[in-house]
PDB file of N, CA and C in Angstrom:
ATOM      1  N   UNK A   1       0.851  -1.178   0.000  1.00  0.00           N
ATOM      2  CA  UNK A   1       0.000   0.000   0.000  1.00  0.00           C
ATOM      3  C   UNK A   1       0.899   1.244   0.000  1.00  0.00           C
ATOM      4  N   UNK A   2       0.703   2.205  -0.895  1.00  0.00           N
ATOM      5  CA  UNK A   2       1.562   3.393  -0.973  1.00  0.00           C
ATOM      6  C   UNK A   2       1.322   4.323   0.213  1.00  0.00           C
ATOM      7  N   UNK A   3       2.422   4.969   0.670  1.00  0.00           N
ATOM      8  CA  UNK A   3       2.327   5.937   1.770  1.00  0.00           C
ATOM      9  C   UNK A   3       1.960   7.309   1.216  1.00  0.00           C
ATOM     10  N   UNK A   4       1.090   7.967   1.913  1.00  0.00           N
ATOM     11  CA  UNK A   4       0.717   9.326   1.524  1.00  0.00           C
ATOM     12  C   UNK A   4       1.635  10.308   2.249  1.00  0.00           C
ATOM     13  N   UNK A   5       2.206  11.223   1.500  1.00  0.00           N
ATOM     14  CA  UNK A   5       3.059  12.240   2.091  1.00  0.00           C
ATOM     15  C   UNK A   5       2.197  13.380   2.614  1.00  0.00           C
ATOM     16  N   UNK A   6       2.568  13.915   3.772  1.00  0.00           N
ATOM     17  CA  UNK A   6       1.784  15.042   4.289  1.00  0.00           C
ATOM     18  C   UNK A   6       1.971  16.261   3.389  1.00  0.00           C
ATOM     19  N   UNK A   7       0.897  16.918   3.094  1.00  0.00           N
ATOM     20  CA  UNK A   7       0.964  18.098   2.234  1.00  0.00           C
ATOM     21  C   UNK A   7       0.558  19.322   3.038  1.00  0.00           C
ATOM     22  N   UNK A   8       1.141  20.439   2.677  1.00  0.00           N
ATOM     23  CA  UNK A   8       0.788  21.705   3.300  1.00  0.00           C
ATOM     24  C   UNK A   8      -0.270  22.405   2.464  1.00  0.00           C
ATOM     25  N   UNK A   9      -1.309  22.834   3.109  1.00  0.00           N
ATOM     26  CA  UNK A   9      -2.293  23.653   2.417  1.00  0.00           C
ATOM     27  C   UNK A   9      -1.758  25.083   2.380  1.00  0.00           C
ATOM     28  N   UNK A  10      -2.261  25.910   1.496  1.00  0.00           N
ATOM     29  CA  UNK A  10      -1.792  27.305   1.468  1.00  0.00           C
ATOM     30  C   UNK A  10      -1.965  28.014   2.816  1.00  0.00           C
ATOM     31  N   UNK A  11      -3.028  27.708   3.533  1.00  0.00           N
ATOM     32  CA  UNK A  11      -3.250  28.337   4.841  1.00  0.00           C
ATOM     33  C   UNK A  11      -2.167  27.905   5.835  1.00  0.00           C
ATOM     34  N   UNK A  12      -1.774  26.625   5.827  1.00  0.00           N
ATOM     35  CA  UNK A  12      -0.712  26.149   6.716  1.00  0.00           C
ATOM     36  C   UNK A  12       0.617  26.818   6.398  1.00  0.00           C
ATOM     37  N   UNK A  13       0.906  26.956   5.116  1.00  0.00           N
ATOM     38  CA  UNK A  13       2.147  27.587   4.692  1.00  0.00           C
ATOM     39  C   UNK A  13       2.190  29.055   5.117  1.00  0.00           C
ATOM     40  N   UNK A  14       1.081  29.768   4.936  1.00  0.00           N
ATOM     41  CA  UNK A  14       1.012  31.170   5.348  1.00  0.00           C
ATOM     42  C   UNK A  14       1.235  31.309   6.841  1.00  0.00           C
ATOM     43  N   UNK A  15       0.637  30.424   7.624  1.00  0.00           N
ATOM     44  CA  UNK A  15       0.774  30.472   9.078  1.00  0.00           C
ATOM     45  C   UNK A  15       2.214  30.204   9.493  1.00  0.00           C
ATOM     46  N   UNK A  16       2.866  29.239   8.881  1.00  0.00           N
ATOM     47  CA  UNK A  16       4.267  28.942   9.207  1.00  0.00           C
ATOM     48  C   UNK A  16       5.183  30.103   8.856  1.00  0.00           C
ATOM     49  N   UNK A  17       4.969  30.713   7.696  1.00  0.00           N
ATOM     50  CA  UNK A  17       5.786  31.856   7.294  1.00  0.00           C
ATOM     51  C   UNK A  17       5.557  33.053   8.209  1.00  0.00           C
ATOM     52  N   UNK A  18       4.320  33.274   8.612  1.00  0.00           N
ATOM     53  CA  UNK A  18       4.009  34.374   9.524  1.00  0.00           C
ATOM     54  C   UNK A  18       4.709  34.175  10.862  1.00  0.00           C
ATOM     55  N   UNK A  19       4.637  32.973  11.410  1.00  0.00           N
ATOM     56  CA  UNK A  19       5.291  32.700  12.697  1.00  0.00           C
ATOM     57  C   UNK A  19       6.802  32.839  12.604  1.00  0.00           C
ATOM     58  N   UNK A  20       7.365  32.392  11.510  1.00  0.00           N
ATOM     59  CA  UNK A  20       8.810  32.506  11.318  1.00  0.00           C
ATOM     60  C   UNK A  20       9.218  33.975  11.229  1.00  0.00           C
ATOM     61  N   UNK A  21       8.470  34.757  10.487  1.00  0.00           N
ATOM     62  CA  UNK A  21       8.770  36.175  10.341  1.00  0.00           C
ATOM     63  C   UNK A  21       8.633  36.945  11.638  1.00  0.00           C
ATOM     64  N   UNK A  22       7.630  36.631  12.432  1.00  0.00           N
ATOM     65  CA  UNK A  22       7.446  37.310  13.712  1.00  0.00           C
ATOM     66  C   UNK A  22       8.582  36.987  14.676  1.00  0.00           C
ATOM     67  N   UNK A  23       9.030  35.751  14.656  1.00  0.00           N
ATOM     68  CA  UNK A  23      10.139  35.367  15.527  1.00  0.00           C
ATOM     69  C   UNK A  23      11.425  36.088  15.179  1.00  0.00           C
ATOM     70  N   UNK A  24      11.670  36.286  13.905  1.00  0.00           N
ATOM     71  CA  UNK A  24      12.885  36.978  13.473  1.00  0.00           C
ATOM     72  C   UNK A  24      12.834  38.465  13.776  1.00  0.00           C
ATOM     73  N   UNK A  25      11.661  39.055  13.726  1.00  0.00           N
ATOM     74  CA  UNK A  25      11.536  40.490  13.968  1.00  0.00           C
ATOM     75  C   UNK A  25      11.532  40.843  15.443  1.00  0.00           C
ATOM     76  N   UNK A  26      11.195  39.920  16.300  1.00  0.00           N
ATOM     77  CA  UNK A  26      11.045  40.239  17.720  1.00  0.00           C
ATOM     78  C   UNK A  26      12.373  40.468  18.428  1.00  0.00           C
ATOM     79  N   UNK A  27      13.492  40.131  17.796  1.00  0.00           N
ATOM     80  CA  UNK A  27      14.784  40.268  18.456  1.00  0.00           C
ATOM     81  C   UNK A  27      15.224  41.712  18.625  1.00  0.00           C
ATOM     82  N   UNK A  28      15.025  42.544  17.630  1.00  0.00           N
ATOM     83  CA  UNK A  28      15.583  43.888  17.671  1.00  0.00           C
ATOM     84  C   UNK A  28      14.526  44.995  17.673  1.00  0.00           C
ATOM     85  N   UNK A  29      13.351  44.726  18.127  1.00  0.00           N
ATOM     86  CA  UNK A  29      12.321  45.751  18.140  1.00  0.00           C
ATOM     87  C   UNK A  29      12.132  46.318  19.545  1.00  0.00           C
ATOM     88  N   UNK A  30      11.587  47.519  19.606  1.00  0.00           N
ATOM     89  CA  UNK A  30      11.294  48.161  20.875  1.00  0.00           C
ATOM     90  C   UNK A  30       9.962  47.633  21.402  1.00  0.00           C
ATOM     91  N   UNK A  31       9.867  47.464  22.695  1.00  0.00           N
ATOM     92  CA  UNK A  31       8.608  47.103  23.341  1.00  0.00           C
ATOM     93  C   UNK A  31       8.358  48.061  24.493  1.00  0.00           C
ATOM     94  N   UNK A  32       7.119  48.447  24.695  1.00  0.00           N
ATOM     95  CA  UNK A  32       6.761  49.294  25.821  1.00  0.00           C
ATOM     96  C   UNK A  32       6.825  48.456  27.092  1.00  0.00           C
ATOM     97  N   UNK A  33       7.489  48.979  28.107  1.00  0.00           N
ATOM     98  CA  UNK A  33       7.619  48.262  29.380  1.00  0.00           C
ATOM     99  C   UNK A  33       6.299  48.188  30.132  1.00  0.00           C
ATOM    100  N   UNK A  34       5.401  49.128  29.874  1.00  0.00           N
ATOM    101  CA  UNK A  34       4.131  49.159  30.597  1.00  0.00           C
ATOM    102  C   UNK A  34       3.038  48.324  29.929  1.00  0.00           C
ATOM    103  N   UNK A  35       2.789  48.566  28.638  1.00  0.00           N
ATOM    104  CA  UNK A  35       1.672  47.875  27.974  1.00  0.00           C
ATOM    105  C   UNK A  35       2.117  46.715  27.089  1.00  0.00           C
ATOM    106  N   UNK A  36       3.415  46.658  26.737  1.00  0.00           N
ATOM    107  CA  UNK A  36       3.935  45.544  25.957  1.00  0.00           C
ATOM    108  C   UNK A  36       3.761  45.655  24.457  1.00  0.00           C
ATOM    109  N   UNK A  37       3.190  46.755  23.976  1.00  0.00           N
ATOM    110  CA  UNK A  37       2.985  46.867  22.538  1.00  0.00           C
ATOM    111  C   UNK A  37       4.239  47.401  21.848  1.00  0.00           C
ATOM    112  N   UNK A  38       4.312  47.191  20.549  1.00  0.00           N
ATOM    113  CA  UNK A  38       5.416  47.697  19.741  1.00  0.00           C
ATOM    114  C   UNK A  38       5.021  49.058  19.185  1.00  0.00           C
ATOM    115  N   UNK A  39       5.792  50.104  19.485  1.00  0.00           N
ATOM    116  CA  UNK A  39       5.455  51.426  18.940  1.00  0.00           C
ATOM    117  C   UNK A  39       5.546  51.431  17.416  1.00  0.00           C
ATOM    118  N   UNK A  40       4.696  52.232  16.794  1.00  0.00           N
ATOM    119  CA  UNK A  40       4.634  52.319  15.346  1.00  0.00           C
ATOM    120  C   UNK A  40       5.761  53.180  14.794  1.00  0.00           C
ATOM    121  N   UNK A  41       6.054  53.018  13.525  1.00  0.00           N
ATOM    122  CA  UNK A  41       7.045  53.841  12.851  1.00  0.00           C
ATOM    123  C   UNK A  41       6.606  55.300  12.918  1.00  0.00           C
ATOM    124  N   UNK A  42       7.514  56.177  13.326  1.00  0.00           N
ATOM    125  CA  UNK A  42       7.206  57.594  13.466  1.00  0.00           C
ATOM    126  C   UNK A  42       6.777  57.985  14.864  1.00  0.00           C
ATOM    127  N   UNK A  43       6.502  57.025  15.705  1.00  0.00           N
ATOM    128  CA  UNK A  43       6.116  57.289  17.087  1.00  0.00           C
ATOM    129  C   UNK A  43       7.383  57.485  17.931  1.00  0.00           C
ATOM    130  N   UNK A  44       7.250  58.193  19.017  1.00  0.00           N
ATOM    131  CA  UNK A  44       8.389  58.409  19.909  1.00  0.00           C
ATOM    132  C   UNK A  44       8.350  57.397  21.051  1.00  0.00           C
ATOM    133  N   UNK A  45       9.538  56.913  21.415  1.00  0.00           N
ATOM    134  CA  UNK A  45       9.660  56.008  22.549  1.00  0.00           C
ATOM    135  C   UNK A  45      10.552  56.695  23.579  1.00  0.00           C
ATOM    136  N   UNK A  46      10.141  56.642  24.839  1.00  0.00           N
ATOM    137  CA  UNK A  46      10.810  57.350  25.922  1.00  0.00           C
ATOM    138  C   UNK A  46      11.621  56.354  26.740  1.00  0.00           C
ATOM    139  N   UNK A  47      12.929  56.609  26.857  1.00  0.00           N
ATOM    140  CA  UNK A  47      13.835  55.733  27.594  1.00  0.00           C
ATOM    141  C   UNK A  47      14.149  56.359  28.950  1.00  0.00           C
ATOM    142  N   UNK A  48      14.126  55.533  29.992  1.00  0.00           N
ATOM    143  CA  UNK A  48      14.380  56.003  31.354  1.00  0.00           C
ATOM    144  C   UNK A  48      15.695  55.447  31.880  1.00  0.00           C
ATOM    145  N   UNK A  49      16.193  56.066  32.949  1.00  0.00           N
ATOM    146  CA  UNK A  49      17.471  55.667  33.534  1.00  0.00           C
ATOM    147  C   UNK A  49      17.462  54.242  34.096  1.00  0.00           C
ATOM    148  N   UNK A  50      16.294  53.748  34.481  1.00  0.00           N
ATOM    149  CA  UNK A  50      16.216  52.391  35.049  1.00  0.00           C
ATOM    150  C   UNK A  50      16.219  51.305  33.973  1.00  0.00           C
ATOM    151  N   UNK A  51      16.334  51.710  32.688  1.00  0.00           N
ATOM    152  CA  UNK A  51      16.390  50.742  31.597  1.00  0.00           C
ATOM    153  C   UNK A  51      15.057  50.470  30.931  1.00  0.00           C
ATOM    154  N   UNK A  52      13.985  51.050  31.440  1.00  0.00           N
ATOM    155  CA  UNK A  52      12.672  50.815  30.841  1.00  0.00           C
ATOM    156  C   UNK A  52      12.440  51.767  29.676  1.00  0.00           C
ATOM    157  N   UNK A  53      11.602  51.328  28.746  1.00  0.00           N
ATOM    158  CA  UNK A  53      11.213  52.125  27.579  1.00  0.00           C
ATOM    159  C   UNK A  53       9.703  52.156  27.516  1.00  0.00           C
ATOM    160  N   UNK A  54       9.148  53.341  27.285  1.00  0.00           N
ATOM    161  CA  UNK A  54       7.700  53.511  27.331  1.00  0.00           C
ATOM    162  C   UNK A  54       7.224  54.188  26.054  1.00  0.00           C
ATOM    163  N   UNK A  55       6.084  53.741  25.516  1.00  0.00           N
ATOM    164  CA  UNK A  55       5.510  54.336  24.310  1.00  0.00           C
ATOM    165  C   UNK A  55       4.841  55.671  24.656  1.00  0.00           C
ATOM    166  N   UNK A  56       4.417  56.396  23.624  1.00  0.00           N
ATOM    167  CA  UNK A  56       3.785  57.705  23.828  1.00  0.00           C
ATOM    168  C   UNK A  56       2.456  57.593  24.571  1.00  0.00           C
ATOM    169  N   UNK A  57       1.760  56.496  24.413  1.00  0.00           N
ATOM    170  CA  UNK A  57       0.472  56.334  25.079  1.00  0.00           C
ATOM    171  C   UNK A  57       0.628  56.146  26.579  1.00  0.00           C
ATOM    172  N   UNK A  58       1.705  55.495  27.007  1.00  0.00           N
ATOM    173  CA  UNK A  58       1.929  55.227  28.432  1.00  0.00           C
ATOM    174  C   UNK A  58       2.763  56.315  29.105  1.00  0.00           C
ATOM    175  N   UNK A  59       3.353  57.215  28.353  1.00  0.00           N
ATOM    176  CA  UNK A  59       4.219  58.258  28.895  1.00  0.00           C
ATOM    177  C   UNK A  59       3.519  59.129  29.926  1.00  0.00           C
ATOM    178  N   UNK A  60       2.265  59.552  29.734  1.00  0.00           N
ATOM    179  CA  UNK A  60       1.607  60.401  30.745  1.00  0.00           C
ATOM    180  C   UNK A  60       1.408  59.714  32.097  1.00  0.00           C
ATOM    181  N   UNK A  61       1.518  58.399  32.151  1.00  0.00           N
ATOM    182  CA  UNK A  61       1.334  57.683  33.422  1.00  0.00           C
ATOM    183  C   UNK A  61       2.562  57.770  34.329  1.00  0.00           C
ATOM    184  N   UNK A  62       3.679  58.239  33.798  1.00  0.00           N
ATOM    185  CA  UNK A  62       4.925  58.345  34.569  1.00  0.00           C
ATOM    186  C   UNK A  62       5.173  59.793  34.956  1.00  0.00           C
ATOM    187  N   UNK A  63       5.651  59.989  36.187  1.00  0.00           N
ATOM    188  CA  UNK A  63       5.932  61.343  36.663  1.00  0.00           C
ATOM    189  C   UNK A  63       7.355  61.787  36.360  1.00  0.00           C
ATOM    190  N   UNK A  64       8.264  60.845  36.263  1.00  0.00           N
ATOM    191  CA  UNK A  64       9.671  61.144  36.039  1.00  0.00           C
ATOM    192  C   UNK A  64       9.900  61.478  34.569  1.00  0.00           C
ATOM    193  N   UNK A  65      10.757  62.455  34.310  1.00  0.00           N
ATOM    194  CA  UNK A  65      11.107  62.809  32.933  1.00  0.00           C
ATOM    195  C   UNK A  65      12.016  61.726  32.347  1.00  0.00           C
ATOM    196  N   UNK A  66      11.856  61.405  31.066  1.00  0.00           N
ATOM    197  CA  UNK A  66      12.717  60.387  30.447  1.00  0.00           C
ATOM    198  C   UNK A  66      14.145  60.901  30.268  1.00  0.00           C
ATOM    199  N   UNK A  67      15.095  59.964  30.259  1.00  0.00           N
ATOM    200  CA  UNK A  67      16.495  60.310  30.039  1.00  0.00           C
ATOM    201  C   UNK A  67      16.714  60.735  28.589  1.00  0.00           C
ATOM    202  N   UNK A  68      16.027  60.078  27.672  1.00  0.00           N
ATOM    203  CA  UNK A  68      16.111  60.437  26.258  1.00  0.00           C
ATOM    204  C   UNK A  68      14.850  59.990  25.540  1.00  0.00           C
ATOM    205  N   UNK A  69      14.582  60.631  24.427  1.00  0.00           N
ATOM    206  CA  UNK A  69      13.420  60.319  23.596  1.00  0.00           C
ATOM    207  C   UNK A  69      13.943  59.961  22.214  1.00  0.00           C
ATOM    208  N   UNK A  70      13.431  58.869  21.664  1.00  0.00           N
ATOM    209  CA  UNK A  70      13.912  58.378  20.373  1.00  0.00           C
ATOM    210  C   UNK A  70      12.733  58.202  19.424  1.00  0.00           C
ATOM    211  N   UNK A  71      12.952  58.555  18.168  1.00  0.00           N
ATOM    212  CA  UNK A  71      11.947  58.364  17.138  1.00  0.00           C
ATOM    213  C   UNK A  71      12.084  56.948  16.581  1.00  0.00           C
ATOM    214  N   UNK A  72      10.988  56.216  16.503  1.00  0.00           N
ATOM    215  CA  UNK A  72      11.018  54.848  15.981  1.00  0.00           C
ATOM    216  C   UNK A  72      11.089  54.927  14.463  1.00  0.00           C
ATOM    217  N   UNK A  73      12.132  54.343  13.896  1.00  0.00           N
ATOM    218  CA  UNK A  73      12.343  54.358  12.445  1.00  0.00           C
ATOM    219  C   UNK A  73      11.857  53.050  11.830  1.00  0.00           C
ATOM    220  N   UNK A  74      11.675  53.090  10.534  1.00  0.00           N
ATOM    221  CA  UNK A  74      11.292  51.909   9.775  1.00  0.00           C
ATOM    222  C   UNK A  74      12.406  50.867   9.882  1.00  0.00           C
ATOM    223  N   UNK A  75      12.091  49.574   9.903  1.00  0.00           N
ATOM    224  CA  UNK A  75      13.133  48.547  10.026  1.00  0.00           C
ATOM    225  C   UNK A  75      14.214  48.614   8.955  1.00  0.00           C
ATOM    226  N   UNK A  76      13.907  49.163   7.792  1.00  0.00           N
ATOM    227  CA  UNK A  76      14.894  49.249   6.721  1.00  0.00           C
ATOM    228  C   UNK A  76      15.631  50.576   6.729  1.00  0.00           C
ATOM    229  N   UNK A  77      15.446  51.381   7.765  1.00  0.00           N
ATOM    230  CA  UNK A  77      16.111  52.681   7.857  1.00  0.00           C
ATOM    231  C   UNK A  77      17.626  52.490   7.850  1.00  0.00           C
ATOM    232  N   UNK A  78      18.292  53.203   6.963  1.00  0.00           N
ATOM    233  CA  UNK A  78      19.741  53.108   6.866  1.00  0.00           C
ATOM    234  C   UNK A  78      20.225  52.057   5.891  1.00  0.00           C
ATOM    235  N   UNK A  79      19.313  51.272   5.341  1.00  0.00           N
ATOM    236  CA  UNK A  79      19.690  50.226   4.399  1.00  0.00           C
ATOM    237  C   UNK A  79      19.335  50.590   2.960  1.00  0.00           C
ATOM    238  N   UNK A  80      18.824  51.781   2.757  1.00  0.00           N
ATOM    239  CA  UNK A  80      18.405  52.187   1.419  1.00  0.00           C
ATOM    240  C   UNK A  80      19.619  52.541   0.566  1.00  0.00           C
ATOM    241  N   UNK A  81      19.460  52.433  -0.716  1.00  0.00           N
ATOM    242  CA  UNK A  81      20.517  52.799  -1.657  1.00  0.00           C
ATOM    243  C   UNK A  81      20.415  54.300  -1.901  1.00  0.00           C
ATOM    244  N   UNK A  82      21.523  54.993  -1.730  1.00  0.00           N
ATOM    245  CA  UNK A  82      21.539  56.433  -1.939  1.00  0.00           C
ATOM    246  C   UNK A  82      22.166  56.735  -3.295  1.00  0.00           C
ATOM    247  N   UNK A  83      21.501  57.600  -4.051  1.00  0.00           N
ATOM    248  CA  UNK A  83      22.001  57.984  -5.362  1.00  0.00           C
ATOM    249  C   UNK A  83      23.017  59.095  -5.184  1.00  0.00           C
ATOM    250  N   UNK A  84      24.185  58.914  -5.770  1.00  0.00           N
ATOM    251  CA  UNK A  84      25.244  59.909  -5.691  1.00  0.00           C
ATOM    252  C   UNK A  84      25.544  60.403  -7.101  1.00  0.00           C
ATOM    253  N   UNK A  85      25.724  61.675  -7.226  1.00  0.00           N
ATOM    254  CA  UNK A  85      26.056  62.245  -8.524  1.00  0.00           C
ATOM    255  C   UNK A  85      27.569  62.289  -8.639  1.00  0.00           C
ATOM    256  N   UNK A  86      28.069  61.786  -9.733  1.00  0.00           N
ATOM    257  CA  UNK A  86      29.494  61.806  -9.983  1.00  0.00           C
ATOM    258  C   UNK A  86      29.876  63.087 -10.719  1.00  0.00           C
ATOM    259  N   UNK A  87      30.982  63.680 -10.317  1.00  0.00           N
ATOM    260  CA  UNK A  87      31.458  64.888 -11.002  1.00  0.00           C
ATOM    261  C   UNK A  87      31.953  64.519 -12.390  1.00  0.00           C
ATOM    262  N   UNK A  88      31.622  65.338 -13.371  1.00  0.00           N
ATOM    263  CA  UNK A  88      32.013  65.044 -14.755  1.00  0.00           C
ATOM    264  C   UNK A  88      33.457  65.358 -15.036  1.00  0.00           C
TER     265      UNK A  88
END
């Protein structure tokens, strides 16, 4: 009797790729220490001296001023190709 090989449906493949992609992105992203969400591109994240980072939505809940404020950039920021004009 022939063995049937397990096949992936398109939905299974999409789910596996999504999980793989999320795992790879979670290493270097900012997370809010209070609510746990990832701030959006263009949003400001507030860093405190105790090592915590807070999104703009949770910032009003803290009384202490942040040590620094950083703008969240797109993941590909700095990896774009820049066009340079060569002198003739």
